[in-house]
Protein backbone atom coordinates (compact mmCIF):
# COMPACT_ATOMS: atom_id res chain seq x y z
CA MET A 1 35.14 -49.12 -27.20
CA MET A 2 34.75 -47.61 -23.74
CA LYS A 3 34.21 -44.13 -25.24
CA ALA A 4 31.45 -45.51 -27.45
CA ILE A 5 29.73 -47.13 -24.49
CA LEU A 6 29.94 -43.89 -22.48
CA ALA A 7 28.57 -41.89 -25.40
CA LEU A 8 25.59 -44.23 -25.69
CA ALA A 9 25.03 -43.97 -21.96
CA PHE A 10 25.00 -40.17 -22.12
CA VAL A 11 22.54 -40.26 -25.04
CA ALA A 12 20.26 -42.60 -23.12
CA LEU A 13 20.48 -40.41 -20.02
CA ALA A 14 19.68 -37.27 -22.02
CA ALA A 15 16.69 -38.98 -23.59
CA LEU A 16 15.49 -40.11 -20.17
CA CYS A 17 15.84 -36.58 -18.77
CA ALA A 18 14.03 -35.10 -21.76
CA SER A 19 11.24 -37.64 -21.35
CA SER A 20 11.02 -36.89 -17.63
CA SER A 21 10.95 -33.12 -18.28
CA SER A 22 8.25 -33.57 -20.91
CA GLN A 23 6.16 -35.63 -18.50
CA GLU A 24 6.58 -32.98 -15.80
CA ASP A 25 5.46 -30.25 -18.24
CA MET A 26 2.42 -32.31 -19.20
CA ALA A 27 1.64 -32.89 -15.53
CA LYS A 28 1.80 -29.13 -14.89
CA GLU A 29 -0.62 -28.49 -17.74
CA ASP A 30 -3.12 -30.71 -15.96
CA THR A 31 -3.29 -28.37 -12.94
CA ALA A 32 -5.65 -25.43 -12.45
CA GLY A 33 -2.76 -23.38 -11.08
CA TYR A 34 -0.84 -23.71 -14.33
CA TRP A 35 -3.74 -22.36 -16.40
CA LEU A 36 -4.49 -19.68 -13.83
CA ASN A 37 -0.92 -18.41 -14.23
CA ILE A 38 -1.23 -18.53 -18.03
CA GLY A 39 -4.43 -16.49 -17.78
CA ASN A 40 -2.82 -13.95 -15.48
CA GLU A 41 0.15 -13.55 -17.83
CA SER A 42 -2.11 -13.04 -20.85
CA ARG A 43 -4.24 -10.55 -18.93
CA GLU A 44 -1.13 -8.59 -17.96
CA MET A 45 0.03 -8.52 -21.59
CA ALA A 46 -3.40 -7.18 -22.60
CA ILE A 47 -3.11 -4.42 -20.01
CA ASN A 48 0.33 -3.44 -21.28
CA GLU A 49 -0.71 -3.54 -24.95
CA THR A 50 -1.87 0.00 -25.65
CA GLN A 51 -1.00 0.34 -29.34
CA ASN A 52 -2.26 -2.76 -31.13
CA GLN A 53 -5.96 -3.41 -30.46
CA THR A 54 -5.90 -6.73 -32.35
CA ALA A 55 -3.04 -8.03 -30.22
CA ARG A 56 -4.82 -6.85 -27.08
CA GLU A 57 -7.97 -8.77 -28.03
CA ILE A 58 -5.91 -11.90 -28.70
CA PHE A 59 -4.34 -11.68 -25.24
CA LEU A 60 -7.77 -11.20 -23.65
CA GLN A 61 -9.14 -14.23 -25.51
CA GLU A 62 -6.15 -16.29 -24.38
CA ALA A 63 -6.76 -15.21 -20.78
CA HIS A 64 -10.44 -16.10 -21.04
CA GLU A 65 -9.67 -19.56 -22.42
CA ALA A 66 -6.99 -20.16 -19.77
CA TYR A 67 -9.34 -19.30 -16.89
CA ASP A 68 -12.01 -21.57 -18.40
CA LYS A 69 -9.43 -24.36 -18.59
CA ALA A 70 -8.51 -23.84 -14.93
CA ILE A 71 -12.19 -24.08 -13.99
CA GLU A 72 -12.62 -27.20 -16.13
CA ILE A 73 -9.76 -28.88 -14.23
CA ASP A 74 -10.85 -27.59 -10.80
CA PRO A 75 -14.45 -26.33 -10.66
CA GLN A 76 -13.93 -25.57 -6.95
CA SER A 77 -11.16 -23.03 -7.55
CA ALA A 78 -12.49 -19.80 -6.08
CA SER A 79 -9.52 -17.94 -7.55
CA ALA A 80 -10.19 -19.16 -11.10
CA TRP A 81 -13.86 -18.14 -10.92
CA PHE A 82 -12.82 -14.77 -9.48
CA LYS A 83 -10.28 -14.13 -12.22
CA LYS A 84 -12.82 -15.06 -14.88
CA GLY A 85 -15.30 -12.59 -13.41
CA GLU A 86 -12.69 -9.87 -13.09
CA LEU A 87 -11.76 -10.29 -16.76
CA GLN A 88 -15.41 -10.08 -17.78
CA ILE A 89 -16.17 -6.89 -15.89
CA ASP A 90 -12.87 -5.07 -16.45
CA PHE A 91 -12.28 -5.84 -20.13
CA LEU A 92 -15.13 -7.64 -21.84
CA GLY A 93 -18.09 -5.74 -20.39
CA ASN A 94 -20.15 -8.88 -19.75
CA TYR A 95 -21.82 -8.03 -16.45
CA GLU A 96 -24.07 -11.09 -16.35
CA GLU A 97 -21.21 -13.54 -16.79
CA ALA A 98 -19.08 -11.57 -14.33
CA LEU A 99 -21.81 -11.70 -11.69
CA ASN A 100 -22.22 -15.43 -12.18
CA ALA A 101 -18.46 -15.95 -11.78
CA PHE A 102 -18.24 -13.85 -8.60
CA ASN A 103 -21.22 -15.71 -7.13
CA LYS A 104 -19.48 -19.03 -7.85
CA SER A 105 -16.30 -17.76 -6.21
CA ILE A 106 -18.21 -16.64 -3.12
CA GLN A 107 -20.09 -19.96 -2.86
CA ILE A 108 -16.75 -21.74 -2.73
CA ASN A 109 -15.11 -19.22 -0.37
CA PRO A 110 -17.64 -17.03 1.49
CA GLN A 111 -14.78 -15.01 3.07
CA PHE A 112 -13.30 -14.00 -0.31
CA ALA A 113 -13.27 -10.23 0.22
CA ASP A 114 -12.21 -9.33 -3.32
CA ALA A 115 -14.99 -11.44 -4.82
CA TRP A 116 -17.59 -9.66 -2.66
CA TYR A 117 -16.05 -6.31 -3.65
CA GLN A 118 -16.13 -7.07 -7.37
CA LYS A 119 -19.67 -8.42 -7.06
CA GLY A 120 -20.61 -5.09 -5.47
CA LYS A 121 -19.06 -3.17 -8.37
CA THR A 122 -20.92 -5.35 -10.86
CA LEU A 123 -24.23 -4.75 -9.09
CA THR A 124 -23.44 -1.03 -8.94
CA GLY A 125 -23.10 -1.12 -12.72
CA TYR A 126 -26.53 -2.72 -12.91
CA GLY A 127 -27.94 0.04 -10.68
CA ASP A 128 -28.84 -2.52 -7.98
CA PHE A 129 -27.54 -0.33 -5.17
CA GLU A 130 -29.17 -2.09 -2.20
CA GLU A 131 -27.66 -5.46 -3.08
CA ALA A 132 -24.35 -3.81 -4.00
CA LEU A 133 -24.25 -2.25 -0.52
CA GLU A 134 -24.72 -5.71 1.03
CA SER A 135 -21.81 -7.03 -1.04
CA TYR A 136 -19.51 -4.19 0.02
CA ASN A 137 -20.48 -4.78 3.66
CA GLU A 138 -19.63 -8.47 3.31
CA SER A 139 -16.28 -7.60 1.73
CA LEU A 140 -15.42 -5.25 4.59
CA LYS A 141 -16.05 -7.99 7.15
CA SER A 142 -13.02 -9.84 5.78
CA ASN A 143 -10.99 -6.80 4.67
CA PRO A 144 -11.95 -3.72 6.70
CA ASN A 145 -8.92 -1.75 5.51
CA SER A 146 -9.80 -1.63 1.82
CA SER A 147 -10.09 2.05 0.97
CA GLU A 148 -11.57 1.21 -2.46
CA THR A 149 -14.39 -0.80 -0.89
CA TRP A 150 -15.22 2.05 1.51
CA PHE A 151 -15.17 4.44 -1.46
CA TRP A 152 -17.53 2.36 -3.62
CA ARG A 153 -19.75 1.74 -0.59
CA ALA A 154 -19.97 5.50 -0.08
CA GLY A 155 -20.98 5.92 -3.71
CA VAL A 156 -23.95 3.56 -3.48
CA LEU A 157 -25.02 5.15 -0.18
CA ALA A 158 -25.07 8.50 -1.99
CA GLU A 159 -27.09 6.96 -4.81
CA LEU A 160 -29.57 5.76 -2.19
CA GLY A 161 -29.82 9.27 -0.75
CA ARG A 162 -28.10 8.24 2.49
CA TYR A 163 -25.63 11.11 2.36
CA GLN A 164 -24.62 11.27 6.02
CA GLU A 165 -23.66 7.60 5.91
CA ALA A 166 -21.88 8.24 2.61
CA VAL A 167 -19.78 10.96 4.25
CA SER A 168 -18.76 8.55 7.00
CA SER A 169 -17.79 5.92 4.43
CA TYR A 170 -15.78 8.45 2.40
CA ASP A 171 -14.10 9.58 5.64
CA ARG A 172 -13.00 5.99 6.27
CA ALA A 173 -11.62 5.67 2.72
CA ILE A 174 -9.67 8.92 3.14
CA GLU A 175 -8.37 7.83 6.54
CA ILE A 176 -6.87 4.74 4.90
CA ASP A 177 -5.64 6.49 1.73
CA PRO A 178 -5.57 10.28 2.13
CA VAL A 179 -3.93 11.03 -1.23
CA GLN A 180 -6.54 9.50 -3.52
CA ASN A 181 -8.09 12.51 -5.26
CA SER A 182 -11.31 10.71 -6.25
CA TYR A 183 -12.14 10.18 -2.57
CA TRP A 184 -11.99 13.93 -1.97
CA LEU A 185 -14.23 14.58 -4.97
CA GLY A 186 -16.71 12.01 -3.69
CA ILE A 187 -16.93 13.36 -0.17
CA GLY A 188 -17.26 16.88 -1.59
CA GLY A 189 -20.41 15.84 -3.41
CA ALA A 190 -21.90 14.14 -0.35
CA LEU A 191 -21.11 17.12 1.89
CA ASN A 192 -22.81 19.42 -0.62
CA ARG A 193 -25.95 17.31 -0.40
CA ILE A 194 -26.25 17.81 3.35
CA GLY A 195 -25.53 21.53 3.23
CA ARG A 196 -21.95 21.48 4.49
CA GLN A 197 -20.77 23.78 1.69
CA GLU A 198 -17.59 25.07 3.29
CA GLU A 199 -16.32 21.56 3.99
CA ALA A 200 -17.33 20.48 0.49
CA ASN A 201 -15.31 23.30 -1.07
CA ALA A 202 -12.32 22.38 1.08
CA SER A 203 -12.60 18.81 -0.18
CA TYR A 204 -12.75 19.95 -3.82
CA ALA A 205 -9.74 22.19 -3.25
CA ARG A 206 -7.82 19.26 -1.80
CA ALA A 207 -8.74 17.15 -4.85
CA ALA A 208 -7.42 19.90 -7.13
CA GLU A 209 -4.15 20.03 -5.17
CA LEU A 210 -3.65 16.27 -5.40
CA ASN A 211 -4.27 16.32 -9.14
CA ASP A 212 -1.78 19.17 -9.51
CA GLU A 213 0.80 17.04 -7.74
CA ALA A 214 0.10 14.16 -10.12
CA LEU A 215 0.44 16.46 -13.14
CA LYS A 216 3.85 17.67 -11.97
CA ILE A 217 4.98 14.05 -12.22
CA ASN A 218 3.17 13.33 -15.49
CA PRO A 219 1.72 16.30 -17.43
CA LYS A 220 0.03 13.84 -19.81
CA ASP A 221 -2.02 12.13 -17.09
CA ALA A 222 -5.50 12.52 -18.60
CA MET A 223 -7.28 11.34 -15.45
CA ALA A 224 -5.45 13.92 -13.35
CA TRP A 225 -6.60 16.65 -15.76
CA GLN A 226 -10.14 15.24 -15.51
CA GLY A 227 -10.02 15.23 -11.72
CA LYS A 228 -8.65 18.75 -11.60
CA GLY A 229 -11.29 19.97 -14.04
CA THR A 230 -14.06 18.30 -12.04
CA ALA A 231 -12.82 19.92 -8.83
CA PHE A 232 -12.67 23.34 -10.50
CA TYR A 233 -16.16 22.85 -11.91
CA HIS A 234 -17.61 22.19 -8.45
CA LEU A 235 -15.70 25.16 -7.06
CA GLY A 236 -17.34 27.38 -9.69
CA ARG A 237 -14.06 28.01 -11.51
CA LEU A 238 -15.72 27.27 -14.82
CA ASN A 239 -13.25 28.68 -17.34
CA GLU A 240 -10.37 26.90 -15.62
CA SER A 241 -12.36 23.67 -15.61
CA ILE A 242 -13.01 23.97 -19.36
CA GLN A 243 -9.27 24.32 -19.98
CA CYS A 244 -8.71 21.09 -18.04
CA PHE A 245 -11.41 19.21 -19.97
CA ASP A 246 -9.93 20.44 -23.25
CA LYS A 247 -6.65 18.87 -22.16
CA VAL A 248 -8.39 15.57 -21.45
CA ILE A 249 -10.04 15.65 -24.89
CA GLU A 250 -6.63 16.24 -26.46
CA LEU A 251 -5.03 13.34 -24.57
CA LYS A 252 -7.95 10.92 -24.48
CA PRO A 253 -10.52 11.88 -27.14
CA MET A 254 -12.79 8.87 -26.52
CA PHE A 255 -13.36 9.64 -22.83
CA TYR A 256 -16.99 10.72 -22.66
CA ARG A 257 -16.89 12.34 -19.21
CA SER A 258 -14.68 15.19 -20.40
CA TYR A 259 -17.26 16.17 -23.03
CA TYR A 260 -20.09 15.92 -20.51
CA TYR A 261 -18.43 18.05 -17.84
CA LYS A 262 -17.20 20.60 -20.34
CA GLY A 263 -20.79 20.81 -21.55
CA LYS A 264 -21.99 21.37 -17.99
CA ALA A 265 -19.47 24.19 -17.53
CA LEU A 266 -20.49 25.84 -20.82
CA GLN A 267 -24.15 25.46 -19.88
CA ASP A 268 -23.52 27.22 -16.58
CA LEU A 269 -21.84 30.03 -18.55
CA GLY A 270 -24.95 30.36 -20.71
CA ARG A 271 -23.37 28.86 -23.83
CA GLU A 272 -26.25 26.46 -24.39
CA ALA A 273 -25.69 25.60 -28.08
CA GLU A 274 -22.06 24.59 -27.49
CA ALA A 275 -23.09 22.61 -24.43
CA GLU A 276 -25.69 20.60 -26.36
CA GLU A 277 -23.09 19.61 -28.95
CA LEU A 278 -20.86 18.28 -26.20
CA PHE A 279 -23.70 16.40 -24.52
CA ALA A 280 -24.47 14.76 -27.87
CA ARG A 281 -20.82 13.79 -28.27
CA SER A 282 -20.79 12.31 -24.78
CA LYS A 283 -23.79 10.13 -25.66
CA GLU A 284 -22.16 9.02 -28.91
CA LEU A 285 -19.24 7.72 -26.86
CA GLY A 286 -21.53 5.72 -24.60
CA GLY A 287 -21.82 8.19 -21.77
CA ILE A 288 -24.46 10.31 -20.12
């Protein structure tokens, strides 16, 4: 009899614990943080999914819905608005919705450096360089050690023809992160514009070296081949640059920049007909 009573007690206790656990899970699902985590997990799975495009799109949709749910629960979550905007600009290509999301995030938290930075990148994509510059400046007030922000700031300064200021901004990016090859390519272009050819060539040579180091680690790094080819192109080593762009095309055939720069190299070598074919291919892929 006692065993039967104890068994019933254990059953009741287990049911109570299960009910309590279920209630806790339901309570968690009512928080913005829960859905923000779900969105982040789905976004990460989309990033890691490189083989199945359908699966990748499902993960992105799940992330989008999760961030919207977080915002529905807490419309004042600067992080949820930021993550929604980041997803839009990085994966879905919806610049208008991304800009709206970053603006919402900044309204809630005006010191949110990453939101200002991403807003700047979005405006750069629109070609609104003056306003993008303001956004990068605001971001740097809260996070002055972001090499990426200094780099993108330098880019819009160059677009605005303010090359000396661009050089200073690239210098700051390189000071913070001296092994980022794209920074050396960028400063090389700005130095060229103000007639500092020798320094520009030294910058391109450094970019080529850094890409070589990356290729020793991973010979299939398409972006390292692209960076090396771009550096060689600006150094006038045209045939070597073409070999690099051919490698990019082999590894990443949908990357339009490789076709464009290979076309530029062929054009400089006087091979106009081949160059035009590559320019056309670049446009087909959504590029220049």
